[in-house]
N, C-alpha and C. Protein backbone atom coordinates (compact mmCIF):
# COMPACT_ATOMS: atom_id res chain seq x y z
N MET A 1 75.90 102.23 94.18
CA MET A 1 74.86 103.27 94.48
C MET A 1 75.21 104.30 95.45
N PRO A 2 74.84 105.64 94.90
CA PRO A 2 75.32 106.73 95.79
C PRO A 2 74.84 106.71 97.33
N THR A 3 75.75 107.03 98.27
CA THR A 3 75.09 106.99 99.62
C THR A 3 75.78 108.33 100.21
N MET A 4 75.30 108.73 101.52
CA MET A 4 75.40 110.03 101.89
C MET A 4 76.05 109.90 103.16
N SER A 5 76.85 110.80 103.58
CA SER A 5 77.50 110.94 104.86
C SER A 5 78.05 109.41 105.40
N LYS A 6 78.91 109.17 104.67
CA LYS A 6 79.36 107.85 105.23
C LYS A 6 80.71 108.09 105.77
N SER A 7 81.01 107.33 107.09
CA SER A 7 82.01 107.57 108.01
C SER A 7 82.89 106.29 107.67
N LEU A 8 84.23 106.65 107.35
CA LEU A 8 84.93 105.58 106.73
C LEU A 8 86.40 105.83 107.82
N LEU A 9 86.82 104.60 108.39
CA LEU A 9 88.01 104.76 109.23
C LEU A 9 88.93 103.47 108.80
N TRP A 10 90.24 104.10 108.39
CA TRP A 10 91.19 102.85 107.85
C TRP A 10 92.35 102.80 108.92
N THR A 11 92.77 101.79 109.25
CA THR A 11 93.96 101.66 109.96
C THR A 11 95.30 101.34 109.22
N ARG A 12 96.34 102.14 109.29
CA ARG A 12 97.38 102.19 108.47
C ARG A 12 98.18 100.53 108.66
N ILE A 13 98.80 100.03 107.57
CA ILE A 13 99.69 99.09 107.92
C ILE A 13 101.13 99.29 107.72
N ASP A 14 101.31 100.19 106.97
CA ASP A 14 102.88 100.67 106.71
C ASP A 14 103.46 101.22 108.06
N THR A 15 102.72 101.86 109.04
CA THR A 15 103.13 102.61 110.04
C THR A 15 102.05 102.68 111.17
N ALA A 16 102.52 103.15 112.14
CA ALA A 16 101.32 103.46 113.25
C ALA A 16 100.73 104.64 112.70
N GLY A 17 99.25 104.63 112.71
CA GLY A 17 98.54 105.74 112.13
C GLY A 17 97.12 105.00 111.75
N ALA A 18 96.25 106.09 111.34
CA ALA A 18 95.15 105.87 110.79
C ALA A 18 94.44 106.99 110.22
N GLU A 19 93.38 106.97 109.55
CA GLU A 19 92.52 108.13 108.65
C GLU A 19 91.27 107.81 108.95
N HIS A 20 90.73 108.85 109.02
CA HIS A 20 89.12 108.90 109.29
C HIS A 20 88.63 110.09 108.51
N ALA A 21 87.64 109.53 107.71
CA ALA A 21 86.96 110.32 106.64
C ALA A 21 85.28 110.45 106.75
N LEU A 22 84.66 111.58 106.40
CA LEU A 22 83.28 111.81 106.24
C LEU A 22 83.14 112.25 104.84
N ALA A 23 82.32 111.51 104.12
CA ALA A 23 81.89 111.32 102.64
C ALA A 23 80.84 111.38 102.32
N ASP A 24 80.23 112.31 101.34
CA ASP A 24 79.05 112.42 100.91
C ASP A 24 79.20 112.25 99.35
N ASP A 25 78.79 111.13 98.64
CA ASP A 25 79.09 110.83 97.41
C ASP A 25 77.56 110.84 96.72
N SER A 26 76.69 111.86 96.82
CA SER A 26 75.53 111.80 96.29
C SER A 26 75.56 112.73 94.83
N HIS A 27 76.51 113.56 94.99
CA HIS A 27 76.96 114.32 93.40
C HIS A 27 78.42 114.60 93.34
N GLY A 28 79.10 113.48 92.96
CA GLY A 28 80.48 113.37 93.09
C GLY A 28 80.83 113.31 94.54
N LEU A 29 81.82 113.86 94.84
CA LEU A 29 82.19 113.52 96.10
C LEU A 29 82.58 114.89 96.77
N ALA A 30 82.09 114.97 98.18
CA ALA A 30 82.51 115.92 99.03
C ALA A 30 83.17 115.44 100.17
N ALA A 31 84.38 115.59 100.65
CA ALA A 31 84.66 114.85 101.80
C ALA A 31 85.66 115.67 102.72
N HIS A 32 85.85 115.18 104.02
CA HIS A 32 86.86 115.92 104.87
C HIS A 32 87.36 114.82 105.61
N GLY A 33 88.51 114.86 105.83
CA GLY A 33 89.39 113.62 106.65
C GLY A 33 90.44 114.18 107.41
N THR A 34 90.76 113.46 108.47
CA THR A 34 92.28 113.67 109.18
C THR A 34 92.97 112.21 109.13
N GLN A 35 94.52 112.36 108.86
CA GLN A 35 95.28 111.18 108.85
C GLN A 35 96.25 111.57 110.00
N LEU A 36 96.51 110.43 110.73
CA LEU A 36 97.59 110.46 111.91
C LEU A 36 98.53 109.40 111.46
N ALA A 37 99.84 109.76 111.67
CA ALA A 37 101.07 108.79 110.95
C ALA A 37 102.20 109.13 111.86
N ALA A 38 102.92 108.07 112.17
CA ALA A 38 104.24 108.40 113.07
C ALA A 38 105.35 108.48 112.08
N ASP A 39 105.28 108.21 110.53
CA ASP A 39 106.63 108.03 109.65
C ASP A 39 106.20 109.01 108.71
N PRO A 40 107.46 109.85 108.34
CA PRO A 40 108.72 109.63 108.80
C PRO A 40 108.95 110.16 110.27
N ILE A 41 108.14 111.09 110.68
CA ILE A 41 107.98 111.98 111.92
C ILE A 41 106.55 111.98 112.18
N PRO A 42 106.14 111.99 113.63
CA PRO A 42 104.67 112.07 113.84
C PRO A 42 104.01 113.30 113.18
N TYR A 43 103.04 113.14 112.66
CA TYR A 43 102.21 114.36 112.02
C TYR A 43 100.61 113.90 111.92
N THR A 44 100.00 115.32 112.08
CA THR A 44 98.74 115.27 111.71
C THR A 44 98.20 115.95 110.28
N CYS A 45 97.34 115.26 109.63
CA CYS A 45 97.16 115.81 108.20
C CYS A 45 95.64 115.83 108.23
N ARG A 46 95.07 117.10 107.96
CA ARG A 46 93.78 117.21 107.56
C ARG A 46 93.50 117.72 106.20
N TYR A 47 92.30 117.27 105.95
CA TYR A 47 91.97 117.74 104.33
C TYR A 47 90.64 117.92 103.91
N GLN A 48 90.37 118.82 102.87
CA GLN A 48 88.85 118.79 102.58
C GLN A 48 88.97 118.65 100.76
N LEU A 49 88.02 117.86 100.44
CA LEU A 49 87.93 117.43 98.95
C LEU A 49 86.67 117.76 98.50
N LEU A 50 86.66 118.33 97.13
CA LEU A 50 85.58 118.44 96.29
C LEU A 50 85.63 118.01 94.99
N THR A 51 84.77 117.27 94.29
CA THR A 51 84.82 117.10 92.80
C THR A 51 83.50 117.64 92.28
N ASP A 52 83.62 117.64 90.90
CA ASP A 52 82.34 117.89 90.25
C ASP A 52 81.36 116.71 90.04
N PRO A 53 80.24 116.65 89.60
CA PRO A 53 79.43 115.46 89.66
C PRO A 53 79.80 114.24 88.70
N GLN A 54 80.87 114.55 87.89
CA GLN A 54 81.47 113.55 87.28
C GLN A 54 82.64 112.85 88.11
N TRP A 55 82.91 113.45 89.13
CA TRP A 55 84.05 113.03 90.04
C TRP A 55 85.62 113.61 89.57
N ALA A 56 85.49 114.41 88.76
CA ALA A 56 86.76 115.00 88.55
C ALA A 56 86.90 115.96 89.82
N SER A 57 88.06 116.19 90.32
CA SER A 57 88.69 116.93 91.31
C SER A 57 88.62 118.63 90.93
N VAL A 58 88.05 119.21 91.62
CA VAL A 58 87.92 120.75 91.50
C VAL A 58 88.60 121.47 92.73
N ARG A 59 88.39 120.93 93.69
CA ARG A 59 89.38 121.69 94.97
C ARG A 59 89.42 120.76 96.05
N VAL A 60 90.94 120.75 96.31
CA VAL A 60 91.70 119.99 97.36
C VAL A 60 92.37 121.08 98.49
N GLU A 61 92.16 121.02 99.79
CA GLU A 61 92.81 121.66 100.70
C GLU A 61 93.60 120.92 101.63
N VAL A 62 94.85 121.00 102.12
CA VAL A 62 95.21 120.05 102.90
C VAL A 62 96.25 120.91 103.80
N GLU A 63 96.33 120.59 105.31
CA GLU A 63 96.88 121.12 106.21
C GLU A 63 97.68 119.85 107.04
N VAL A 64 99.03 119.96 107.16
CA VAL A 64 99.83 119.09 107.72
C VAL A 64 100.71 119.89 108.92
N GLU A 65 100.64 119.23 110.34
CA GLU A 65 101.46 119.80 111.22
C GLU A 65 101.91 118.88 112.28
N GLY A 66 103.09 119.25 112.80
CA GLY A 66 103.83 118.28 113.83
C GLY A 66 104.51 119.20 114.65
N ALA A 67 105.39 118.90 115.48
CA ALA A 67 106.18 119.50 116.53
C ALA A 67 106.89 120.80 115.76
N GLY A 68 106.64 121.95 115.97
CA GLY A 68 107.19 123.02 115.77
C GLY A 68 107.15 123.36 114.16
N TRP A 69 106.16 122.79 113.53
CA TRP A 69 106.05 123.14 112.04
C TRP A 69 104.76 123.10 111.47
N ARG A 70 104.35 123.72 110.47
CA ARG A 70 102.86 123.45 110.00
C ARG A 70 102.92 123.79 108.37
N ARG A 71 102.29 123.16 107.68
CA ARG A 71 102.14 123.38 106.19
C ARG A 71 100.98 123.29 105.72
N SER A 72 100.51 124.01 104.46
CA SER A 72 99.40 123.81 103.98
C SER A 72 99.40 124.07 102.56
N VAL A 73 98.62 123.59 101.72
CA VAL A 73 98.39 123.70 100.18
C VAL A 73 97.05 123.70 99.85
N ARG A 74 96.62 124.49 98.80
CA ARG A 74 95.20 124.42 98.41
C ARG A 74 95.56 124.45 96.68
N LEU A 75 94.75 123.55 96.21
CA LEU A 75 94.54 123.26 94.74
C LEU A 75 93.31 123.31 94.34
N GLU A 76 93.14 124.40 93.01
CA GLU A 76 91.88 124.63 92.59
C GLU A 76 91.90 124.29 90.91
N ARG A 77 91.23 123.61 90.47
CA ARG A 77 91.05 123.56 89.06
C ARG A 77 89.83 124.28 88.44
N ALA A 78 90.29 125.04 87.55
CA ALA A 78 88.94 125.70 86.73
C ALA A 78 89.67 126.13 85.15
N ALA A 79 88.87 126.00 84.07
CA ALA A 79 89.07 126.14 82.94
C ALA A 79 90.51 125.27 82.42
N ASP A 80 90.35 124.12 82.79
CA ASP A 80 91.70 123.12 82.71
C ASP A 80 93.00 123.78 83.00
N ARG A 81 92.90 124.16 84.33
CA ARG A 81 94.41 124.86 84.59
C ARG A 81 94.01 124.54 86.25
N TRP A 82 95.27 124.25 86.91
CA TRP A 82 95.43 124.40 88.32
C TRP A 82 96.02 125.33 89.04
N ARG A 83 95.43 126.03 89.98
CA ARG A 83 96.05 126.86 90.66
C ARG A 83 96.53 126.50 92.25
N VAL A 84 97.53 126.58 92.54
CA VAL A 84 98.17 125.91 93.69
C VAL A 84 98.82 127.22 94.45
N THR A 85 98.32 126.97 95.83
CA THR A 85 98.93 128.07 96.77
C THR A 85 99.44 127.15 97.92
N ALA A 86 100.73 127.66 98.48
CA ALA A 86 101.25 126.91 99.61
C ALA A 86 101.74 127.98 100.63
N ALA A 87 101.90 127.30 101.81
CA ALA A 87 102.44 128.17 103.05
C ALA A 87 103.16 127.24 103.92
N GLU A 88 104.12 127.81 104.65
CA GLU A 88 104.77 126.95 105.83
C GLU A 88 104.92 127.89 106.87
N GLN A 89 104.87 127.22 107.83
CA GLN A 89 105.16 127.99 109.36
C GLN A 89 106.08 127.04 110.09
N GLY A 90 107.14 127.47 110.80
CA GLY A 90 107.99 126.76 111.49
C GLY A 90 109.24 126.04 110.25
N ASP A 91 109.63 125.04 110.72
CA ASP A 91 110.57 124.39 109.90
C ASP A 91 110.64 122.90 109.91
N LEU A 92 109.94 122.33 108.93
CA LEU A 92 109.70 120.82 108.56
C LEU A 92 110.96 120.35 108.49
N ASP A 93 111.77 120.87 107.64
CA ASP A 93 113.29 120.28 107.41
C ASP A 93 114.04 120.13 108.56
N ALA A 94 113.99 121.19 109.35
CA ALA A 94 114.64 120.75 110.76
C ALA A 94 114.14 119.66 111.77
N ALA A 95 113.12 119.64 111.63
CA ALA A 95 112.39 118.18 112.39
C ALA A 95 112.72 116.98 111.54
N LEU A 96 112.69 117.01 110.60
CA LEU A 96 113.27 115.76 109.53
C LEU A 96 114.67 115.30 110.00
N ALA A 97 115.47 116.40 110.04
CA ALA A 97 117.01 116.37 110.20
C ALA A 97 117.02 115.82 111.54
N ALA A 98 116.27 116.50 112.61
CA ALA A 98 116.76 116.06 113.92
C ALA A 98 116.26 114.30 114.17
N ALA A 99 115.44 113.89 113.13
CA ALA A 99 115.06 112.70 113.48
C ALA A 99 116.02 111.68 112.34
N GLY A 100 116.91 112.07 111.91
CA GLY A 100 117.87 111.62 110.80
C GLY A 100 117.21 111.25 109.28
N HIS A 101 116.44 112.11 109.01
CA HIS A 101 115.72 111.96 107.77
C HIS A 101 116.32 113.11 106.65
N ALA A 102 116.37 112.79 105.37
CA ALA A 102 116.40 113.86 104.61
C ALA A 102 115.65 114.99 104.53
N PRO A 103 116.15 116.30 103.96
CA PRO A 103 115.00 117.39 103.87
C PRO A 103 113.73 117.14 102.95
N ALA A 104 112.70 117.72 102.97
CA ALA A 104 111.59 117.14 102.32
C ALA A 104 111.42 118.24 101.22
N GLY A 105 112.00 119.50 101.09
CA GLY A 105 111.72 120.33 100.14
C GLY A 105 110.56 121.37 100.31
N LEU A 106 110.18 122.15 99.44
CA LEU A 106 109.36 123.00 99.70
C LEU A 106 107.74 122.59 99.25
N PRO A 107 106.80 123.30 100.03
CA PRO A 107 105.16 122.79 99.68
C PRO A 107 105.12 123.46 98.32
N GLY A 108 104.19 122.84 97.72
CA GLY A 108 103.45 123.36 96.40
C GLY A 108 104.10 122.96 95.24
N VAL A 109 104.05 123.69 93.96
CA VAL A 109 104.58 122.94 92.81
C VAL A 109 105.36 124.47 92.18
N GLU A 110 106.47 124.27 91.61
CA GLU A 110 107.01 125.45 90.77
C GLU A 110 106.14 125.91 89.53
N ASP A 111 105.66 124.76 88.78
CA ASP A 111 105.18 125.21 87.59
C ASP A 111 103.62 124.59 87.41
N PRO A 112 102.64 125.01 88.07
CA PRO A 112 101.29 124.48 87.81
C PRO A 112 100.59 124.08 86.80
N ASP A 113 101.45 124.71 85.57
CA ASP A 113 100.91 124.20 84.12
C ASP A 113 101.63 122.66 83.82
N ARG A 114 102.37 121.92 84.46
CA ARG A 114 102.59 120.67 84.50
C ARG A 114 101.47 119.72 84.74
N LEU A 115 100.52 120.35 85.57
CA LEU A 115 99.47 119.71 86.16
C LEU A 115 98.24 119.66 85.33
N ALA A 116 98.29 120.30 83.93
CA ALA A 116 97.14 120.73 83.20
C ALA A 116 96.22 119.43 83.01
N ASP A 117 97.00 118.18 82.69
CA ASP A 117 96.34 117.05 82.06
C ASP A 117 95.62 116.11 83.19
N ALA A 118 95.77 116.36 84.44
CA ALA A 118 95.12 115.86 85.48
C ALA A 118 93.79 116.17 85.87
N LEU A 119 93.15 115.09 86.27
CA LEU A 119 91.63 115.41 86.69
C LEU A 119 91.49 114.62 88.12
N ASP A 120 92.23 113.93 88.48
CA ASP A 120 92.21 113.43 89.86
C ASP A 120 93.72 114.03 90.71
N VAL A 121 93.26 113.94 91.94
CA VAL A 121 94.37 114.32 92.98
C VAL A 121 94.68 113.04 93.82
N ASP A 122 95.65 112.77 94.02
CA ASP A 122 96.24 111.60 94.90
C ASP A 122 97.07 112.12 95.98
N LEU A 123 96.44 112.21 97.33
CA LEU A 123 97.12 112.66 98.53
C LEU A 123 97.74 111.27 99.09
N GLY A 124 99.16 111.35 99.34
CA GLY A 124 100.08 110.40 99.74
C GLY A 124 99.50 109.91 101.23
N GLY A 125 99.51 108.49 101.26
CA GLY A 125 99.06 107.79 102.25
C GLY A 125 97.63 107.65 102.66
N SER A 126 96.93 108.26 101.48
CA SER A 126 95.23 108.21 101.92
C SER A 126 94.80 107.23 100.86
N PRO A 127 93.83 106.18 101.52
CA PRO A 127 93.27 105.41 100.36
C PRO A 127 91.79 106.09 100.09
N LEU A 128 91.25 106.96 100.69
CA LEU A 128 90.06 107.67 100.06
C LEU A 128 90.34 108.31 98.75
N PHE A 129 91.42 108.78 98.49
CA PHE A 129 91.62 109.30 97.16
C PHE A 129 91.70 108.24 96.08
N ASN A 130 92.06 107.18 96.16
CA ASN A 130 91.94 106.22 95.00
C ASN A 130 90.72 105.99 94.47
N THR A 131 89.44 106.37 95.48
CA THR A 131 88.15 106.16 94.93
C THR A 131 87.78 107.22 93.75
N LEU A 132 88.61 108.42 93.61
CA LEU A 132 88.36 109.21 92.62
C LEU A 132 88.58 108.60 91.07
N PRO A 133 89.41 108.05 90.61
CA PRO A 133 89.57 107.61 89.38
C PRO A 133 88.60 106.27 89.31
N VAL A 134 88.49 105.42 90.34
CA VAL A 134 87.66 104.22 90.50
C VAL A 134 86.22 104.66 90.04
N ARG A 135 85.63 105.82 90.61
CA ARG A 135 84.19 106.17 90.49
C ARG A 135 84.26 106.88 89.17
N ARG A 136 85.40 108.05 88.68
CA ARG A 136 85.24 108.71 87.50
C ARG A 136 85.29 107.95 86.67
N LEU A 137 85.93 106.87 86.22
CA LEU A 137 86.16 105.87 85.21
C LEU A 137 85.07 104.69 85.40
N ARG A 138 84.29 104.65 86.56
CA ARG A 138 83.16 103.64 86.42
C ARG A 138 83.97 102.44 86.42
N LEU A 139 85.06 102.08 87.07
CA LEU A 139 85.99 101.03 86.80
C LEU A 139 85.44 99.74 87.15
N ALA A 140 84.28 99.69 88.16
CA ALA A 140 83.71 98.65 88.46
C ALA A 140 82.62 97.74 87.70
N ASP A 141 82.31 98.80 86.49
CA ASP A 141 81.46 98.30 85.32
C ASP A 141 82.42 98.03 84.05
N GLN A 142 83.61 98.25 84.12
CA GLN A 142 84.27 97.92 82.96
C GLN A 142 84.83 96.37 83.01
N ALA A 143 84.91 96.01 81.61
CA ALA A 143 85.57 94.65 81.51
C ALA A 143 86.81 94.36 82.32
N ALA A 144 86.77 93.03 82.69
CA ALA A 144 88.28 92.89 83.64
C ALA A 144 89.16 93.06 82.72
N ASP A 145 90.60 93.54 83.17
CA ASP A 145 91.80 93.67 82.46
C ASP A 145 91.81 94.98 81.57
N THR A 146 90.68 95.89 82.02
CA THR A 146 90.87 97.16 81.12
C THR A 146 91.59 98.28 81.81
N SER A 147 92.58 98.73 81.27
CA SER A 147 93.51 99.65 81.97
C SER A 147 93.49 101.09 81.43
N TYR A 148 93.60 102.10 82.32
CA TYR A 148 93.40 103.60 82.23
C TYR A 148 94.57 104.29 82.73
N PRO A 149 95.57 104.59 81.70
CA PRO A 149 96.65 105.40 81.94
C PRO A 149 96.31 106.77 82.38
N LEU A 150 97.02 107.55 83.47
CA LEU A 150 96.26 108.73 84.06
C LEU A 150 97.50 109.52 84.43
N THR A 151 97.15 111.15 84.37
CA THR A 151 98.04 111.94 85.05
C THR A 151 97.48 112.59 86.38
N VAL A 152 97.86 112.22 87.29
CA VAL A 152 97.48 112.87 88.52
C VAL A 152 98.06 113.88 89.23
N VAL A 153 97.59 114.64 90.08
CA VAL A 153 98.12 115.70 90.85
C VAL A 153 98.46 114.80 92.05
N TRP A 154 99.70 114.56 92.40
CA TRP A 154 99.98 113.89 93.49
C TRP A 154 100.58 114.71 94.58
N VAL A 155 100.12 114.51 95.86
CA VAL A 155 100.54 115.46 97.07
C VAL A 155 101.33 114.65 97.99
N LEU A 156 102.52 114.68 98.20
CA LEU A 156 103.34 114.09 98.95
C LEU A 156 103.12 114.46 100.39
N VAL A 157 102.95 113.71 101.38
CA VAL A 157 102.85 113.99 102.89
C VAL A 157 103.98 113.64 103.66
N PRO A 158 104.75 114.11 104.49
CA PRO A 158 104.21 115.41 105.11
C PRO A 158 104.61 116.58 104.30
N SER A 159 105.25 116.67 103.28
CA SER A 159 106.15 117.54 102.76
C SER A 159 104.91 118.65 102.02
N LEU A 160 103.95 118.19 101.60
CA LEU A 160 103.13 118.84 100.66
C LEU A 160 103.42 119.28 99.47
N THR A 161 104.60 118.91 98.83
CA THR A 161 105.04 119.11 97.63
C THR A 161 104.07 118.47 96.53
N VAL A 162 103.86 119.23 95.56
CA VAL A 162 103.04 118.86 94.63
C VAL A 162 103.42 118.58 93.23
N LEU A 163 103.34 117.31 92.79
CA LEU A 163 103.83 116.73 91.60
C LEU A 163 102.88 116.06 90.74
N PRO A 164 103.21 116.11 89.10
CA PRO A 164 102.37 115.42 88.38
C PRO A 164 102.78 113.75 88.39
N ALA A 165 102.01 113.15 88.28
CA ALA A 165 102.46 111.53 88.36
C ALA A 165 101.54 110.76 87.60
N GLU A 166 102.40 109.90 86.88
CA GLU A 166 101.74 108.93 85.77
C GLU A 166 101.19 107.42 86.67
N GLN A 167 99.92 107.25 86.51
CA GLN A 167 99.39 106.07 87.15
C GLN A 167 98.55 105.22 86.27
N VAL A 168 98.35 104.07 86.60
CA VAL A 168 97.56 103.27 85.67
C VAL A 168 96.61 102.34 86.73
N TYR A 169 95.52 102.61 86.26
CA TYR A 169 94.29 101.93 87.05
C TYR A 169 93.71 100.77 86.03
N THR A 170 93.59 99.36 86.39
CA THR A 170 93.27 98.27 85.94
C THR A 170 92.18 97.79 86.58
N GLY A 171 90.96 97.55 86.04
CA GLY A 171 89.73 96.86 86.72
C GLY A 171 89.94 95.41 86.69
N LEU A 172 89.61 94.72 87.74
CA LEU A 172 89.98 93.25 87.91
C LEU A 172 88.65 92.51 88.36
N GLY A 173 87.68 93.34 88.20
CA GLY A 173 86.26 92.75 88.67
C GLY A 173 85.41 93.93 89.35
N PRO A 174 84.06 93.58 89.76
CA PRO A 174 83.55 94.65 90.57
C PRO A 174 84.21 95.33 91.71
N THR A 175 84.90 94.57 92.67
CA THR A 175 85.45 95.14 93.64
C THR A 175 86.97 94.99 93.73
N ARG A 176 87.54 94.84 92.74
CA ARG A 176 89.20 94.85 92.75
C ARG A 176 89.63 95.66 91.60
N PHE A 177 90.70 96.40 91.87
CA PHE A 177 91.61 96.91 90.92
C PHE A 177 92.98 96.89 91.01
N ARG A 178 93.69 96.89 89.89
CA ARG A 178 95.26 96.95 90.41
C ARG A 178 95.66 98.67 89.85
N TYR A 179 96.43 98.84 90.75
CA TYR A 179 97.12 100.35 90.97
C TYR A 179 98.55 100.17 90.35
N ALA A 180 99.07 100.93 89.71
CA ALA A 180 100.46 100.81 89.20
C ALA A 180 100.80 102.26 89.11
N SER A 181 102.16 102.55 89.67
CA SER A 181 102.94 103.72 89.24
C SER A 181 104.41 103.62 89.43
N GLY A 182 105.07 103.96 88.29
CA GLY A 182 106.60 103.29 88.39
C GLY A 182 106.85 102.11 88.27
N GLY A 183 107.67 101.59 89.38
CA GLY A 183 107.68 100.16 89.64
C GLY A 183 106.95 99.49 90.61
N PHE A 184 105.81 100.40 91.29
CA PHE A 184 105.18 99.68 92.34
C PHE A 184 103.84 99.35 91.61
N SER A 185 103.03 98.09 92.13
CA SER A 185 102.03 97.73 91.92
C SER A 185 101.19 97.33 93.04
N ALA A 186 99.69 97.11 93.02
CA ALA A 186 99.19 96.43 94.21
C ALA A 186 97.58 96.10 93.60
N ASP A 187 97.18 95.14 94.04
CA ASP A 187 95.71 94.94 94.04
C ASP A 187 95.07 95.03 94.99
N ILE A 188 93.92 96.11 94.86
CA ILE A 188 93.30 96.57 95.92
C ILE A 188 91.99 96.35 95.92
N GLU A 189 91.35 95.90 97.14
CA GLU A 189 90.07 95.60 97.42
C GLU A 189 89.03 96.65 97.60
N MET A 190 87.76 96.76 96.88
CA MET A 190 87.01 97.98 97.21
C MET A 190 85.72 97.32 97.89
N ASP A 191 84.91 98.32 98.53
CA ASP A 191 83.51 97.98 99.21
C ASP A 191 82.54 98.20 97.77
N ALA A 192 81.43 98.01 97.95
CA ALA A 192 80.32 98.06 97.07
C ALA A 192 80.48 99.45 96.64
N ASP A 193 80.54 100.44 97.17
CA ASP A 193 80.52 101.81 96.94
C ASP A 193 81.82 102.36 96.21
N GLY A 194 82.59 101.51 95.96
CA GLY A 194 84.22 101.97 95.41
C GLY A 194 85.33 102.70 96.43
N PHE A 195 85.00 102.47 97.77
CA PHE A 195 85.93 102.94 98.95
C PHE A 195 86.91 101.57 99.00
N VAL A 196 88.07 101.93 99.33
CA VAL A 196 88.99 100.88 99.43
C VAL A 196 88.67 100.21 100.70
N ARG A 197 88.97 98.97 100.56
CA ARG A 197 88.49 97.95 101.72
C ARG A 197 89.97 97.65 102.20
N HIS A 198 90.74 97.17 101.41
CA HIS A 198 92.26 96.56 101.69
C HIS A 198 92.98 97.23 100.62
N TYR A 199 94.23 97.85 101.14
CA TYR A 199 95.22 98.46 100.14
C TYR A 199 96.45 97.65 100.70
N PRO A 200 97.01 96.69 100.01
CA PRO A 200 98.19 95.61 100.49
C PRO A 200 99.30 96.74 100.69
N GLY A 201 99.94 96.48 102.09
CA GLY A 201 100.97 97.34 102.48
C GLY A 201 100.68 98.89 103.07
N LEU A 202 99.38 99.24 102.66
CA LEU A 202 99.44 100.62 103.13
C LEU A 202 98.03 100.86 104.42
N ALA A 203 96.85 99.99 104.21
CA ALA A 203 95.72 100.42 105.01
C ALA A 203 94.51 99.19 104.90
N GLN A 204 93.71 99.39 106.06
CA GLN A 204 92.74 98.29 106.07
C GLN A 204 91.69 99.09 106.61
N LEU A 205 90.16 98.95 105.72
CA LEU A 205 89.22 99.49 106.27
C LEU A 205 89.02 98.84 107.49
N SER A 206 88.73 99.91 108.66
CA SER A 206 88.25 99.13 109.88
C SER A 206 86.68 99.48 110.22
N THR A 207 86.03 100.41 109.71
CA THR A 207 84.90 100.92 110.11
C THR A 207 84.20 101.78 109.03
N THR A 208 82.99 101.35 108.50
CA THR A 208 82.28 102.25 107.75
C THR A 208 80.75 102.25 108.11
N ARG A 209 80.10 103.14 107.91
CA ARG A 209 78.63 103.24 108.29
C ARG A 209 78.07 104.52 107.76
């Protein structure tokens, strides 16, 4: 059942960090949140998300910043096309190199037309965004082992590089589903509203109200 103004706090399992989101799911989803993470270098990520009443994403804005750099990306879907605008201040690649990591590349996407088939956005490291296909497909109401191959707009963090990604969501019951992409898969537990309760290897829901 839709709820309003839900406050969700996840603790990261894979690294030191957390995510706090405020979500209104009374007419699709309107949400904003903040991620804090230590890997690959410490950063803060802030996002705003809006879907239509059918839970298809229509606008996502993300800003990531760390010591000496800041990046942002805005994604908007209209008339079955995505518009992507990105910006950078400072030098993320220099910060990554100083910490012994490979460069991140540029934010945004070279060819937005590659995203045309996507109705969902997946923000790296964020359990909130798994709720989008779960609710859009009514996965909790489907027969167990029903699978849905999807093309999603994948936003990497902290680089904010935007890519199309192939993912598969498989219902495992009212509060469980299997997520798979490439060679990775995880059986994820949800709460009654379709928000992630436990994502093995990524995050655990700490607080909801």
